[in-house]
PDB file of all heavy atoms in Angstrom:
ATOM      1  N   PHE A   1     -20.864 -45.765  20.788  1.00  0.00           N
ATOM      2  CA  PHE A   1     -21.907 -45.001  20.194  1.00  0.00           C
ATOM      3  C   PHE A   1     -22.956 -44.685  21.266  1.00  0.00           C
ATOM      4  O   PHE A   1     -23.174 -45.420  22.225  1.00  0.00           O
ATOM      5  CB  PHE A   1     -22.685 -45.919  19.094  1.00  0.00           C
ATOM      6  CG  PHE A   1     -21.765 -46.281  17.806  1.00  0.00           C
ATOM      7  CD1 PHE A   1     -21.533 -47.488  17.693  1.00  0.00           C
ATOM      8  CD2 PHE A   1     -21.552 -45.230  17.021  1.00  0.00           C
ATOM      9  CE1 PHE A   1     -20.719 -47.785  16.525  1.00  0.00           C
ATOM     10  CE2 PHE A   1     -20.857 -45.426  15.873  1.00  0.00           C
ATOM     11  CZ  PHE A   1     -20.272 -46.727  15.643  1.00  0.00           C
ATOM     12  N   MET A   2     -23.576 -43.351  21.145  1.00  0.00           N
ATOM     13  CA  MET A   2     -24.446 -42.908  22.098  1.00  0.00           C
ATOM     14  C   MET A   2     -25.718 -42.253  21.399  1.00  0.00           C
ATOM     15  O   MET A   2     -25.550 -41.217  20.912  1.00  0.00           O
ATOM     16  CB  MET A   2     -23.773 -41.798  23.008  1.00  0.00           C
ATOM     17  CG  MET A   2     -24.626 -41.359  24.246  1.00  0.00           C
ATOM     18  SD  MET A   2     -23.802 -40.180  25.200  1.00  0.00           S
ATOM     19  CE  MET A   2     -24.294 -38.756  24.214  1.00  0.00           C
ATOM     20  N   PRO A   3     -26.753 -42.924  21.631  1.00  0.00           N
ATOM     21  CA  PRO A   3     -28.026 -42.297  21.159  1.00  0.00           C
ATOM     22  C   PRO A   3     -28.325 -41.181  22.099  1.00  0.00           C
ATOM     23  O   PRO A   3     -28.162 -41.290  23.272  1.00  0.00           O
ATOM     24  CB  PRO A   3     -29.099 -43.464  21.289  1.00  0.00           C
ATOM     25  CG  PRO A   3     -28.376 -44.698  21.358  1.00  0.00           C
ATOM     26  CD  PRO A   3     -27.107 -44.345  21.959  1.00  0.00           C
ATOM     27  N   LYS A   4     -28.878 -39.962  21.510  1.00  0.00           N
ATOM     28  CA  LYS A   4     -29.185 -38.771  22.338  1.00  0.00           C
ATOM     29  C   LYS A   4     -30.428 -38.233  21.980  1.00  0.00           C
ATOM     30  O   LYS A   4     -30.557 -37.457  20.906  1.00  0.00           O
ATOM     31  CB  LYS A   4     -28.059 -37.765  22.254  1.00  0.00           C
ATOM     32  CG  LYS A   4     -28.264 -36.580  23.220  1.00  0.00           C
ATOM     33  CD  LYS A   4     -27.099 -35.692  23.128  1.00  0.00           C
ATOM     34  CE  LYS A   4     -26.960 -34.876  21.922  1.00  0.00           C
ATOM     35  NZ  LYS A   4     -28.087 -33.929  21.724  1.00  0.00           N
ATOM     36  N   PRO A   5     -31.565 -38.466  22.616  1.00  0.00           N
ATOM     37  CA  PRO A   5     -32.831 -37.739  22.386  1.00  0.00           C
ATOM     38  C   PRO A   5     -32.982 -36.610  23.333  1.00  0.00           C
ATOM     39  O   PRO A   5     -32.020 -36.214  24.061  1.00  0.00           O
ATOM     40  CB  PRO A   5     -33.890 -38.880  22.865  1.00  0.00           C
ATOM     41  CG  PRO A   5     -33.149 -39.580  23.947  1.00  0.00           C
ATOM     42  CD  PRO A   5     -31.666 -39.540  23.636  1.00  0.00           C
ATOM     43  N   CYS A   6     -34.100 -35.917  23.357  1.00  0.00           N
ATOM     44  CA  CYS A   6     -34.316 -34.913  24.291  1.00  0.00           C
ATOM     45  C   CYS A   6     -34.434 -35.671  25.671  1.00  0.00           C
ATOM     46  O   CYS A   6     -34.719 -36.837  25.909  1.00  0.00           O
ATOM     47  CB  CYS A   6     -35.762 -34.382  24.124  1.00  0.00           C
ATOM     48  SG  CYS A   6     -36.450 -33.352  25.431  1.00  0.00           S
ATOM     49  N   GLN A   7     -33.850 -35.086  26.751  1.00  0.00           N
ATOM     50  CA  GLN A   7     -33.662 -35.635  28.004  1.00  0.00           C
ATOM     51  C   GLN A   7     -34.953 -35.578  28.924  1.00  0.00           C
ATOM     52  O   GLN A   7     -35.020 -36.062  29.925  1.00  0.00           O
ATOM     53  CB  GLN A   7     -32.521 -35.041  28.801  1.00  0.00           C
ATOM     54  CG  GLN A   7     -31.250 -35.124  27.960  1.00  0.00           C
ATOM     55  CD  GLN A   7     -30.695 -36.598  27.870  1.00  0.00           C
ATOM     56  OE1 GLN A   7     -30.468 -37.210  28.710  1.00  0.00           O
ATOM     57  NE2 GLN A   7     -30.680 -36.893  26.539  1.00  0.00           N
ATOM     58  N   HIS A   8     -35.989 -34.819  28.465  1.00  0.00           N
ATOM     59  CA  HIS A   8     -37.193 -34.592  29.265  1.00  0.00           C
ATOM     60  C   HIS A   8     -37.028 -34.323  30.781  1.00  0.00           C
ATOM     61  O   HIS A   8     -37.365 -35.122  31.535  1.00  0.00           O
ATOM     62  CB  HIS A   8     -38.111 -35.787  29.083  1.00  0.00           C
ATOM     63  CG  HIS A   8     -38.505 -36.059  27.638  1.00  0.00           C
ATOM     64  ND1 HIS A   8     -39.685 -35.319  27.154  1.00  0.00           N
ATOM     65  CD2 HIS A   8     -38.037 -36.655  26.659  1.00  0.00           C
ATOM     66  CE1 HIS A   8     -39.923 -35.667  25.891  1.00  0.00           C
ATOM     67  NE2 HIS A   8     -38.763 -36.452  25.556  1.00  0.00           N
ATOM     68  N   CYS A   9     -36.237 -33.246  30.906  1.00  0.00           N
ATOM     69  CA  CYS A   9     -35.726 -32.861  32.206  1.00  0.00           C
ATOM     70  C   CYS A   9     -36.828 -32.625  33.223  1.00  0.00           C
ATOM     71  O   CYS A   9     -37.997 -31.992  32.813  1.00  0.00           O
ATOM     72  CB  CYS A   9     -34.856 -31.591  32.092  1.00  0.00           C
ATOM     73  SG  CYS A   9     -33.586 -31.789  30.952  1.00  0.00           S
ATOM     74  N   ASP A  10     -36.633 -32.853  34.337  1.00  0.00           N
ATOM     75  CA  ASP A  10     -37.637 -32.443  35.512  1.00  0.00           C
ATOM     76  C   ASP A  10     -37.442 -30.949  35.854  1.00  0.00           C
ATOM     77  O   ASP A  10     -38.377 -30.416  36.376  1.00  0.00           O
ATOM     78  CB  ASP A  10     -37.505 -33.300  36.790  1.00  0.00           C
ATOM     79  CG  ASP A  10     -38.183 -34.636  36.615  1.00  0.00           C
ATOM     80  OD1 ASP A  10     -39.041 -34.728  35.628  1.00  0.00           O
ATOM     81  OD2 ASP A  10     -37.818 -35.597  37.147  1.00  0.00           O
ATOM     82  N   ASN A  11     -36.306 -30.427  35.519  1.00  0.00           N
ATOM     83  CA  ASN A  11     -36.094 -28.915  35.772  1.00  0.00           C
ATOM     84  C   ASN A  11     -35.652 -28.448  34.339  1.00  0.00           C
ATOM     85  O   ASN A  11     -34.399 -27.952  34.134  1.00  0.00           O
ATOM     86  CB  ASN A  11     -34.987 -28.720  36.854  1.00  0.00           C
ATOM     87  CG  ASN A  11     -34.860 -27.270  37.133  1.00  0.00           C
ATOM     88  OD1 ASN A  11     -35.709 -26.418  36.927  1.00  0.00           O
ATOM     89  ND2 ASN A  11     -33.642 -26.914  37.527  1.00  0.00           N
ATOM     90  N   PRO A  12     -36.572 -28.333  33.398  1.00  0.00           N
ATOM     91  CA  PRO A  12     -36.224 -27.970  32.015  1.00  0.00           C
ATOM     92  C   PRO A  12     -35.877 -26.426  31.761  1.00  0.00           C
ATOM     93  O   PRO A  12     -36.721 -25.661  31.988  1.00  0.00           O
ATOM     94  CB  PRO A  12     -37.272 -28.495  31.165  1.00  0.00           C
ATOM     95  CG  PRO A  12     -38.479 -28.321  32.186  1.00  0.00           C
ATOM     96  CD  PRO A  12     -37.893 -28.619  33.492  1.00  0.00           C
ATOM     97  N   PRO A  13     -34.714 -26.200  31.432  1.00  0.00           N
ATOM     98  CA  PRO A  13     -34.412 -24.686  31.079  1.00  0.00           C
ATOM     99  C   PRO A  13     -35.306 -24.170  29.842  1.00  0.00           C
ATOM    100  O   PRO A  13     -35.640 -23.017  29.801  1.00  0.00           O
ATOM    101  CB  PRO A  13     -32.873 -24.717  30.656  1.00  0.00           C
ATOM    102  CG  PRO A  13     -32.387 -25.988  31.141  1.00  0.00           C
ATOM    103  CD  PRO A  13     -33.499 -27.034  31.178  1.00  0.00           C
ATOM    104  N   CYS A  14     -35.667 -24.988  29.036  1.00  0.00           N
ATOM    105  CA  CYS A  14     -36.395 -24.582  27.697  1.00  0.00           C
ATOM    106  C   CYS A  14     -37.655 -24.016  28.018  1.00  0.00           C
ATOM    107  O   CYS A  14     -38.202 -22.994  27.503  1.00  0.00           O
ATOM    108  CB  CYS A  14     -36.545 -25.836  26.749  1.00  0.00           C
ATOM    109  SG  CYS A  14     -37.289 -27.260  27.518  1.00  0.00           S
ATOM    110  N   THR A  15     -38.390 -24.543  29.023  1.00  0.00           N
ATOM    111  CA  THR A  15     -39.822 -24.149  29.374  1.00  0.00           C
ATOM    112  C   THR A  15     -39.773 -22.762  30.014  1.00  0.00           C
ATOM    113  O   THR A  15     -40.760 -21.976  30.029  1.00  0.00           O
ATOM    114  CB  THR A  15     -40.526 -25.143  30.259  1.00  0.00           C
ATOM    115  OG1 THR A  15     -39.806 -25.210  31.452  1.00  0.00           O
ATOM    116  CG2 THR A  15     -40.623 -26.505  29.580  1.00  0.00           C
ATOM    117  N   LYS A  16     -38.698 -22.553  30.657  1.00  0.00           N
ATOM    118  CA  LYS A  16     -38.710 -21.176  31.507  1.00  0.00           C
ATOM    119  C   LYS A  16     -38.446 -19.965  30.509  1.00  0.00           C
ATOM    120  O   LYS A  16     -38.802 -18.814  30.963  1.00  0.00           O
ATOM    121  CB  LYS A  16     -37.540 -21.308  32.480  1.00  0.00           C
ATOM    122  CG  LYS A  16     -37.673 -22.374  33.582  1.00  0.00           C
ATOM    123  CD  LYS A  16     -36.474 -22.441  34.465  1.00  0.00           C
ATOM    124  CE  LYS A  16     -36.722 -23.436  35.605  1.00  0.00           C
ATOM    125  NZ  LYS A  16     -36.861 -24.899  34.996  1.00  0.00           N
ATOM    126  N   VAL A  17     -37.991 -20.179  29.355  1.00  0.00           N
ATOM    127  CA  VAL A  17     -37.528 -19.004  28.475  1.00  0.00           C
ATOM    128  C   VAL A  17     -38.668 -18.743  27.365  1.00  0.00           C
ATOM    129  O   VAL A  17     -38.590 -17.826  26.627  1.00  0.00           O
ATOM    130  CB  VAL A  17     -36.136 -19.179  27.921  1.00  0.00           C
ATOM    131  CG1 VAL A  17     -35.099 -19.386  28.869  1.00  0.00           C
ATOM    132  CG2 VAL A  17     -36.172 -20.408  26.953  1.00  0.00           C
ATOM    133  N   CYS A  18     -39.484 -19.756  27.228  1.00  0.00           N
ATOM    134  CA  CYS A  18     -40.627 -19.648  26.202  1.00  0.00           C
ATOM    135  C   CYS A  18     -41.499 -18.500  26.631  1.00  0.00           C
ATOM    136  O   CYS A  18     -42.221 -18.521  27.592  1.00  0.00           O
ATOM    137  CB  CYS A  18     -41.285 -20.858  25.961  1.00  0.00           C
ATOM    138  SG  CYS A  18     -42.589 -20.725  24.651  1.00  0.00           S
ATOM    139  N   PRO A  19     -41.756 -17.442  25.662  1.00  0.00           N
ATOM    140  CA  PRO A  19     -42.514 -16.237  25.982  1.00  0.00           C
ATOM    141  C   PRO A  19     -44.041 -16.630  25.851  1.00  0.00           C
ATOM    142  O   PRO A  19     -44.862 -15.708  26.241  1.00  0.00           O
ATOM    143  CB  PRO A  19     -42.007 -15.232  25.171  1.00  0.00           C
ATOM    144  CG  PRO A  19     -41.641 -15.893  23.892  1.00  0.00           C
ATOM    145  CD  PRO A  19     -40.926 -17.215  24.382  1.00  0.00           C
ATOM    146  N   VAL A  20     -44.436 -17.711  25.258  1.00  0.00           N
ATOM    147  CA  VAL A  20     -45.833 -17.783  24.910  1.00  0.00           C
ATOM    148  C   VAL A  20     -46.367 -19.268  25.430  1.00  0.00           C
ATOM    149  O   VAL A  20     -47.506 -19.645  24.986  1.00  0.00           O
ATOM    150  CB  VAL A  20     -45.951 -17.805  23.382  1.00  0.00           C
ATOM    151  CG1 VAL A  20     -45.734 -16.450  22.798  1.00  0.00           C
ATOM    152  CG2 VAL A  20     -45.160 -18.789  22.645  1.00  0.00           C
ATOM    153  N   ASP A  21     -45.530 -19.816  26.358  1.00  0.00           N
ATOM    154  CA  ASP A  21     -45.992 -21.099  26.883  1.00  0.00           C
ATOM    155  C   ASP A  21     -46.258 -22.246  25.854  1.00  0.00           C
ATOM    156  O   ASP A  21     -47.097 -23.069  25.917  1.00  0.00           O
ATOM    157  CB  ASP A  21     -47.210 -21.039  27.745  1.00  0.00           C
ATOM    158  CG  ASP A  21     -47.622 -22.205  28.556  1.00  0.00           C
ATOM    159  OD1 ASP A  21     -46.645 -22.890  29.022  1.00  0.00           O
ATOM    160  OD2 ASP A  21     -48.706 -22.464  28.799  1.00  0.00           O
ATOM    161  N   ALA A  22     -45.383 -22.240  24.793  1.00  0.00           N
ATOM    162  CA  ALA A  22     -45.460 -23.171  23.693  1.00  0.00           C
ATOM    163  C   ALA A  22     -44.856 -24.439  24.097  1.00  0.00           C
ATOM    164  O   ALA A  22     -45.248 -25.472  23.699  1.00  0.00           O
ATOM    165  CB  ALA A  22     -44.979 -22.641  22.268  1.00  0.00           C
ATOM    166  N   THR A  23     -43.727 -24.519  24.763  1.00  0.00           N
ATOM    167  CA  THR A  23     -43.093 -25.474  25.404  1.00  0.00           C
ATOM    168  C   THR A  23     -43.456 -25.688  26.821  1.00  0.00           C
ATOM    169  O   THR A  23     -43.273 -24.799  27.541  1.00  0.00           O
ATOM    170  CB  THR A  23     -41.535 -25.532  25.077  1.00  0.00           C
ATOM    171  OG1 THR A  23     -40.990 -26.885  25.397  1.00  0.00           O
ATOM    172  CG2 THR A  23     -40.870 -24.502  25.795  1.00  0.00           C
ATOM    173  N   PHE A  24     -43.666 -26.873  27.211  1.00  0.00           N
ATOM    174  CA  PHE A  24     -44.287 -27.102  28.636  1.00  0.00           C
ATOM    175  C   PHE A  24     -43.910 -28.487  29.120  1.00  0.00           C
ATOM    176  O   PHE A  24     -43.611 -29.405  28.259  1.00  0.00           O
ATOM    177  CB  PHE A  24     -45.779 -26.829  28.693  1.00  0.00           C
ATOM    178  CG  PHE A  24     -46.453 -27.816  27.725  1.00  0.00           C
ATOM    179  CD1 PHE A  24     -47.041 -29.048  28.212  1.00  0.00           C
ATOM    180  CD2 PHE A  24     -46.631 -27.504  26.326  1.00  0.00           C
ATOM    181  CE1 PHE A  24     -47.679 -29.839  27.389  1.00  0.00           C
ATOM    182  CE2 PHE A  24     -47.244 -28.298  25.500  1.00  0.00           C
ATOM    183  CZ  PHE A  24     -47.885 -29.339  25.978  1.00  0.00           C
ATOM    184  N   LYS A  25     -43.930 -28.704  30.379  1.00  0.00           N
ATOM    185  CA  LYS A  25     -43.760 -30.178  30.959  1.00  0.00           C
ATOM    186  C   LYS A  25     -45.056 -30.586  31.515  1.00  0.00           C
ATOM    187  O   LYS A  25     -45.782 -29.848  32.260  1.00  0.00           O
ATOM    188  CB  LYS A  25     -42.734 -29.970  32.024  1.00  0.00           C
ATOM    189  CG  LYS A  25     -42.313 -31.437  32.503  1.00  0.00           C
ATOM    190  CD  LYS A  25     -41.141 -31.414  33.548  1.00  0.00           C
ATOM    191  CE  LYS A  25     -40.728 -32.760  34.004  1.00  0.00           C
ATOM    192  NZ  LYS A  25     -40.301 -33.563  32.897  1.00  0.00           N
ATOM    193  N   ARG A  26     -45.355 -31.870  31.135  1.00  0.00           N
ATOM    194  CA  ARG A  26     -46.691 -32.375  31.743  1.00  0.00           C
ATOM    195  C   ARG A  26     -46.517 -33.176  32.992  1.00  0.00           C
ATOM    196  O   ARG A  26     -45.467 -33.396  33.419  1.00  0.00           O
ATOM    197  CB  ARG A  26     -47.155 -33.506  30.671  1.00  0.00           C
ATOM    198  CG  ARG A  26     -47.154 -33.004  29.234  1.00  0.00           C
ATOM    199  CD  ARG A  26     -47.918 -33.923  28.257  1.00  0.00           C
ATOM    200  NE  ARG A  26     -47.841 -35.328  28.280  1.00  0.00           N
ATOM    201  CZ  ARG A  26     -48.404 -36.182  27.499  1.00  0.00           C
ATOM    202  NH1 ARG A  26     -49.156 -35.694  26.550  1.00  0.00           N
ATOM    203  NH2 ARG A  26     -48.269 -37.506  27.675  1.00  0.00           N
ATOM    204  N   GLN A  27     -47.637 -33.541  33.572  1.00  0.00           N
ATOM    205  CA  GLN A  27     -47.530 -34.272  34.868  1.00  0.00           C
ATOM    206  C   GLN A  27     -46.900 -35.590  34.778  1.00  0.00           C
ATOM    207  O   GLN A  27     -46.463 -36.127  35.775  1.00  0.00           O
ATOM    208  CB  GLN A  27     -48.949 -34.362  35.427  1.00  0.00           C
ATOM    209  CG  GLN A  27     -49.916 -35.179  34.488  1.00  0.00           C
ATOM    210  CD  GLN A  27     -51.310 -35.278  35.073  1.00  0.00           C
ATOM    211  OE1 GLN A  27     -51.689 -34.774  36.166  1.00  0.00           O
ATOM    212  NE2 GLN A  27     -52.089 -36.099  34.363  1.00  0.00           N
ATOM    213  N   ASP A  28     -46.885 -36.235  33.491  1.00  0.00           N
ATOM    214  CA  ASP A  28     -46.272 -37.508  33.636  1.00  0.00           C
ATOM    215  C   ASP A  28     -44.767 -37.415  33.158  1.00  0.00           C
ATOM    216  O   ASP A  28     -44.061 -38.389  32.812  1.00  0.00           O
ATOM    217  CB  ASP A  28     -46.897 -38.287  32.418  1.00  0.00           C
ATOM    218  CG  ASP A  28     -47.145 -37.775  30.985  1.00  0.00           C
ATOM    219  OD1 ASP A  28     -46.219 -36.765  30.865  1.00  0.00           O
ATOM    220  OD2 ASP A  28     -47.832 -38.175  30.128  1.00  0.00           O
ATOM    221  N   GLY A  29     -44.289 -36.264  33.153  1.00  0.00           N
ATOM    222  CA  GLY A  29     -42.747 -36.018  32.876  1.00  0.00           C
ATOM    223  C   GLY A  29     -42.249 -35.660  31.544  1.00  0.00           C
ATOM    224  O   GLY A  29     -41.144 -35.323  31.472  1.00  0.00           O
ATOM    225  N   ILE A  30     -43.147 -35.768  30.566  1.00  0.00           N
ATOM    226  CA  ILE A  30     -42.783 -35.529  29.173  1.00  0.00           C
ATOM    227  C   ILE A  30     -42.832 -33.945  28.901  1.00  0.00           C
ATOM    228  O   ILE A  30     -43.780 -33.241  29.323  1.00  0.00           O
ATOM    229  CB  ILE A  30     -43.602 -36.177  28.209  1.00  0.00           C
ATOM    230  CG1 ILE A  30     -43.697 -37.695  28.436  1.00  0.00           C
ATOM    231  CG2 ILE A  30     -43.393 -35.879  26.769  1.00  0.00           C
ATOM    232  CD1 ILE A  30     -44.540 -38.511  27.508  1.00  0.00           C
ATOM    233  N   VAL A  31     -41.855 -33.537  28.238  1.00  0.00           N
ATOM    234  CA  VAL A  31     -41.757 -32.075  27.830  1.00  0.00           C
ATOM    235  C   VAL A  31     -42.177 -32.099  26.307  1.00  0.00           C
ATOM    236  O   VAL A  31     -41.669 -32.794  25.450  1.00  0.00           O
ATOM    237  CB  VAL A  31     -40.243 -31.477  27.915  1.00  0.00           C
ATOM    238  CG1 VAL A  31     -40.257 -30.008  27.293  1.00  0.00           C
ATOM    239  CG2 VAL A  31     -39.966 -31.602  29.274  1.00  0.00           C
ATOM    240  N   LEU A  32     -43.127 -31.245  25.972  1.00  0.00           N
ATOM    241  CA  LEU A  32     -43.721 -31.183  24.527  1.00  0.00           C
ATOM    242  C   LEU A  32     -43.676 -29.594  24.173  1.00  0.00           C
ATOM    243  O   LEU A  32     -43.331 -28.809  24.790  1.00  0.00           O
ATOM    244  CB  LEU A  32     -45.107 -31.590  24.551  1.00  0.00           C
ATOM    245  CG  LEU A  32     -45.500 -33.014  24.785  1.00  0.00           C
ATOM    246  CD1 LEU A  32     -46.939 -33.390  24.701  1.00  0.00           C
ATOM    247  CD2 LEU A  32     -44.735 -33.988  23.891  1.00  0.00           C
ATOM    248  N   ILE A  33     -43.976 -29.514  22.845  1.00  0.00           N
ATOM    249  CA  ILE A  33     -44.101 -28.208  22.128  1.00  0.00           C
ATOM    250  C   ILE A  33     -45.353 -28.228  21.424  1.00  0.00           C
ATOM    251  O   ILE A  33     -45.788 -29.121  20.757  1.00  0.00           O
ATOM    252  CB  ILE A  33     -42.979 -28.114  21.155  1.00  0.00           C
ATOM    253  CG1 ILE A  33     -41.556 -28.245  21.748  1.00  0.00           C
ATOM    254  CG2 ILE A  33     -43.133 -26.761  20.413  1.00  0.00           C
ATOM    255  CD1 ILE A  33     -40.411 -28.182  20.797  1.00  0.00           C
ATOM    256  N   ASP A  34     -46.139 -27.075  21.641  1.00  0.00           N
ATOM    257  CA  ASP A  34     -47.368 -26.897  20.993  1.00  0.00           C
ATOM    258  C   ASP A  34     -47.124 -25.903  19.900  1.00  0.00           C
ATOM    259  O   ASP A  34     -46.951 -24.759  19.993  1.00  0.00           O
ATOM    260  CB  ASP A  34     -48.396 -26.189  21.994  1.00  0.00           C
ATOM    261  CG  ASP A  34     -49.681 -25.876  21.379  1.00  0.00           C
ATOM    262  OD1 ASP A  34     -49.867 -26.188  20.228  1.00  0.00           O
ATOM    263  OD2 ASP A  34     -50.612 -25.557  22.120  1.00  0.00           O
ATOM    264  N   ASN A  35     -47.187 -26.451  18.638  1.00  0.00           N
ATOM    265  CA  ASN A  35     -46.783 -25.641  17.441  1.00  0.00           C
ATOM    266  C   ASN A  35     -48.010 -24.756  17.009  1.00  0.00           C
ATOM    267  O   ASN A  35     -47.793 -23.944  16.110  1.00  0.00           O
ATOM    268  CB  ASN A  35     -46.323 -26.567  16.297  1.00  0.00           C
ATOM    269  CG  ASN A  35     -44.896 -26.925  16.460  1.00  0.00           C
ATOM    270  OD1 ASN A  35     -44.231 -26.378  17.225  1.00  0.00           O
ATOM    271  ND2 ASN A  35     -44.466 -27.897  15.570  1.00  0.00           N
ATOM    272  N   GLU A  36     -49.145 -24.894  17.623  1.00  0.00           N
ATOM    273  CA  GLU A  36     -50.207 -23.818  17.537  1.00  0.00           C
ATOM    274  C   GLU A  36     -49.912 -22.633  18.252  1.00  0.00           C
ATOM    275  O   GLU A  36     -50.444 -21.507  17.901  1.00  0.00           O
ATOM    276  CB  GLU A  36     -51.546 -24.499  17.759  1.00  0.00           C
ATOM    277  CG  GLU A  36     -52.043 -25.496  17.149  1.00  0.00           C
ATOM    278  CD  GLU A  36     -52.513 -25.123  15.630  1.00  0.00           C
ATOM    279  OE1 GLU A  36     -53.312 -24.212  15.540  1.00  0.00           O
ATOM    280  OE2 GLU A  36     -51.896 -25.588  14.728  1.00  0.00           O
ATOM    281  N   ARG A  37     -49.008 -22.657  19.233  1.00  0.00           N
ATOM    282  CA  ARG A  37     -48.604 -21.554  19.943  1.00  0.00           C
ATOM    283  C   ARG A  37     -47.135 -21.032  19.688  1.00  0.00           C
ATOM    284  O   ARG A  37     -46.893 -19.837  19.877  1.00  0.00           O
ATOM    285  CB  ARG A  37     -48.724 -21.737  21.482  1.00  0.00           C
ATOM    286  CG  ARG A  37     -50.045 -22.125  22.008  1.00  0.00           C
ATOM    287  CD  ARG A  37     -50.032 -22.283  23.509  1.00  0.00           C
ATOM    288  NE  ARG A  37     -49.691 -21.156  24.241  1.00  0.00           N
ATOM    289  CZ  ARG A  37     -50.668 -20.172  24.759  1.00  0.00           C
ATOM    290  NH1 ARG A  37     -51.825 -20.531  24.463  1.00  0.00           N
ATOM    291  NH2 ARG A  37     -50.255 -19.209  25.232  1.00  0.00           N
ATOM    292  N   CYS A  38     -46.293 -21.868  19.147  1.00  0.00           N
ATOM    293  CA  CYS A  38     -44.963 -21.503  18.905  1.00  0.00           C
ATOM    294  C   CYS A  38     -44.751 -20.376  17.916  1.00  0.00           C
ATOM    295  O   CYS A  38     -45.373 -20.401  16.933  1.00  0.00           O
ATOM    296  CB  CYS A  38     -44.146 -22.835  18.458  1.00  0.00           C
ATOM    297  SG  CYS A  38     -42.391 -22.517  17.925  1.00  0.00           S
ATOM    298  N   ILE A  39     -44.084 -19.303  18.298  1.00  0.00           N
ATOM    299  CA  ILE A  39     -43.852 -18.271  17.330  1.00  0.00           C
ATOM    300  C   ILE A  39     -42.517 -18.182  16.726  1.00  0.00           C
ATOM    301  O   ILE A  39     -42.140 -17.251  15.988  1.00  0.00           O
ATOM    302  CB  ILE A  39     -43.933 -16.926  18.190  1.00  0.00           C
ATOM    303  CG1 ILE A  39     -43.006 -16.818  19.289  1.00  0.00           C
ATOM    304  CG2 ILE A  39     -45.451 -16.722  18.565  1.00  0.00           C
ATOM    305  CD1 ILE A  39     -43.073 -15.545  20.050  1.00  0.00           C
ATOM    306  N   GLY A  40     -41.721 -19.343  16.965  1.00  0.00           N
ATOM    307  CA  GLY A  40     -40.363 -19.486  16.294  1.00  0.00           C
ATOM    308  C   GLY A  40     -39.280 -18.538  16.790  1.00  0.00           C
ATOM    309  O   GLY A  40     -38.326 -18.280  15.988  1.00  0.00           O
ATOM    310  N   CYS A  41     -39.335 -18.159  18.113  1.00  0.00           N
ATOM    311  CA  CYS A  41     -38.304 -17.176  18.582  1.00  0.00           C
ATOM    312  C   CYS A  41     -37.016 -17.948  18.905  1.00  0.00           C
ATOM    313  O   CYS A  41     -35.973 -17.243  18.804  1.00  0.00           O
ATOM    314  CB  CYS A  41     -38.816 -16.547  19.824  1.00  0.00           C
ATOM    315  SG  CYS A  41     -39.155 -17.732  21.216  1.00  0.00           S
ATOM    316  N   ARG A  42     -37.095 -19.234  18.976  1.00  0.00           N
ATOM    317  CA  ARG A  42     -35.911 -20.162  19.203  1.00  0.00           C
ATOM    318  C   ARG A  42     -35.260 -19.965  20.515  1.00  0.00           C
ATOM    319  O   ARG A  42     -34.005 -20.433  20.674  1.00  0.00           O
ATOM    320  CB  ARG A  42     -34.976 -20.096  18.118  1.00  0.00           C
ATOM    321  CG  ARG A  42     -35.440 -20.629  16.798  1.00  0.00           C
ATOM    322  CD  ARG A  42     -34.690 -20.331  15.589  1.00  0.00           C
ATOM    323  NE  ARG A  42     -34.956 -18.938  15.053  1.00  0.00           N
ATOM    324  CZ  ARG A  42     -34.190 -18.225  14.299  1.00  0.00           C
ATOM    325  NH1 ARG A  42     -33.003 -18.681  13.977  1.00  0.00           N
ATOM    326  NH2 ARG A  42     -34.590 -16.933  13.986  1.00  0.00           N
ATOM    327  N   PHE A  43     -35.857 -19.290  21.558  1.00  0.00           N
ATOM    328  CA  PHE A  43     -35.219 -19.091  22.705  1.00  0.00           C
ATOM    329  C   PHE A  43     -35.012 -20.514  23.379  1.00  0.00           C
ATOM    330  O   PHE A  43     -33.995 -20.698  24.168  1.00  0.00           O
ATOM    331  CB  PHE A  43     -36.115 -18.254  23.696  1.00  0.00           C
ATOM    332  CG  PHE A  43     -36.278 -16.871  23.405  1.00  0.00           C
ATOM    333  CD1 PHE A  43     -37.131 -16.007  23.940  1.00  0.00           C
ATOM    334  CD2 PHE A  43     -35.388 -16.324  22.404  1.00  0.00           C
ATOM    335  CE1 PHE A  43     -37.226 -14.658  23.662  1.00  0.00           C
ATOM    336  CE2 PHE A  43     -35.472 -14.874  22.028  1.00  0.00           C
ATOM    337  CZ  PHE A  43     -36.384 -14.062  22.712  1.00  0.00           C
TER     338      PHE A  43
END
């Protein structure tokens, strides 16, 4: 069995494609999503 969460990458592909800076990486290494900015494009 293998639990699989978000990997919180140091070089995250997800943050590079977001057109509105809704998903971002913090200084402590965590990748978050701001749903006040998210437009649901799903990139």
